[in-house]
């Protein structure tokens, strides 16, 4: 089972918590610019369980990596 601490240890750029209703949440440390939002980056994520949240966070990090590579290609 994945714990809140496990997720926070891997995804240090996010604040992770579980709501009183049992939903799992993450919000970015820092901001997301409009172009990143248009490309699919989220400021806040939620999920039913910790494994789903961890998967969503990993997808966000892959997206950010892809966007960073595209920026380098433009230079």
Protein backbone atom coordinates (compact mmCIF):
# COMPACT_ATOMS: atom_id res chain seq x y z
CA UNK A 1 0.00 0.00 0.00
CA UNK A 2 1.24 3.46 -0.91
CA UNK A 3 1.29 5.99 1.94
CA UNK A 4 1.11 9.76 1.93
CA UNK A 5 4.76 9.83 2.99
CA UNK A 6 5.74 7.58 0.07
CA UNK A 7 4.08 9.93 -2.42
CA UNK A 8 5.53 13.06 -0.81
CA UNK A 9 9.03 11.55 -0.82
CA UNK A 10 8.90 10.89 -4.57
CA UNK A 11 6.97 13.99 -5.65
CA UNK A 12 8.76 16.76 -3.75
CA UNK A 13 7.33 19.54 -5.91
CA UNK A 14 3.85 18.86 -4.57
CA UNK A 15 1.99 19.21 -1.28
CA UNK A 16 0.09 15.96 -0.64
CA UNK A 17 -2.87 15.42 1.71
CA UNK A 18 -5.94 13.29 2.32
CA UNK A 19 -9.25 15.03 2.90
CA UNK A 20 -11.68 14.26 5.71
CA UNK A 21 -13.85 12.54 3.10
CA UNK A 22 -11.01 10.22 2.08
CA UNK A 23 -9.99 11.80 -1.24
CA UNK A 24 -6.31 12.16 -2.01
CA UNK A 25 -5.06 15.57 -3.14
CA UNK A 26 -1.88 17.21 -4.39
CA UNK A 27 -1.16 20.83 -5.22
CA UNK A 28 2.01 22.17 -6.79
CA UNK A 29 4.56 24.14 -4.89
CA UNK A 30 4.87 27.28 -7.02
CA UNK A 31 2.82 28.34 -10.00
CA UNK A 32 1.91 27.02 -13.42
CA UNK A 33 1.88 29.43 -16.36
CA UNK A 34 -1.04 29.65 -18.76
CA UNK A 35 0.77 27.86 -21.59
CA UNK A 36 1.56 24.92 -19.30
CA UNK A 37 -2.10 24.73 -18.30
CA UNK A 38 -3.07 24.73 -21.98
CA UNK A 39 -0.67 21.81 -22.49
CA UNK A 40 -2.34 19.83 -19.69
CA UNK A 41 -0.39 20.76 -16.56
CA UNK A 42 -2.54 20.99 -13.45
CA UNK A 43 -2.09 23.09 -10.35
CA UNK A 44 -4.10 20.67 -8.19
CA UNK A 45 -4.97 16.99 -8.61
CA UNK A 46 -7.29 14.64 -6.77
CA UNK A 47 -7.84 10.90 -6.79
CA UNK A 48 -9.80 8.15 -5.08
CA UNK A 49 -6.75 6.39 -3.66
CA UNK A 50 -3.01 6.94 -3.15
CA UNK A 51 -1.96 4.75 -6.06
CA UNK A 52 -4.15 6.73 -8.46
CA UNK A 53 -2.79 10.01 -7.14
CA UNK A 54 0.80 8.78 -7.52
CA UNK A 55 0.04 7.77 -11.12
CA UNK A 56 -1.46 11.19 -11.87
CA UNK A 57 1.57 12.92 -10.35
CA UNK A 58 3.92 10.79 -12.44
CA UNK A 59 1.96 11.70 -15.57
CA UNK A 60 2.24 15.39 -14.68
CA UNK A 61 6.00 15.06 -14.25
CA UNK A 62 6.33 13.28 -17.60
CA UNK A 63 4.33 16.07 -19.23
CA UNK A 64 6.55 18.72 -17.62
CA UNK A 65 9.62 16.86 -18.87
CA UNK A 66 8.24 16.70 -22.39
CA UNK A 67 7.48 20.42 -22.31
CA UNK A 68 11.00 21.21 -21.07
CA UNK A 69 12.51 19.14 -23.89
CA UNK A 70 10.36 20.99 -26.43
CA UNK A 71 11.60 24.32 -25.05
CA UNK A 72 15.22 23.17 -25.50
CA UNK A 73 14.48 22.11 -29.07
CA UNK A 74 13.25 25.63 -29.84
CA UNK A 75 16.58 27.16 -28.85
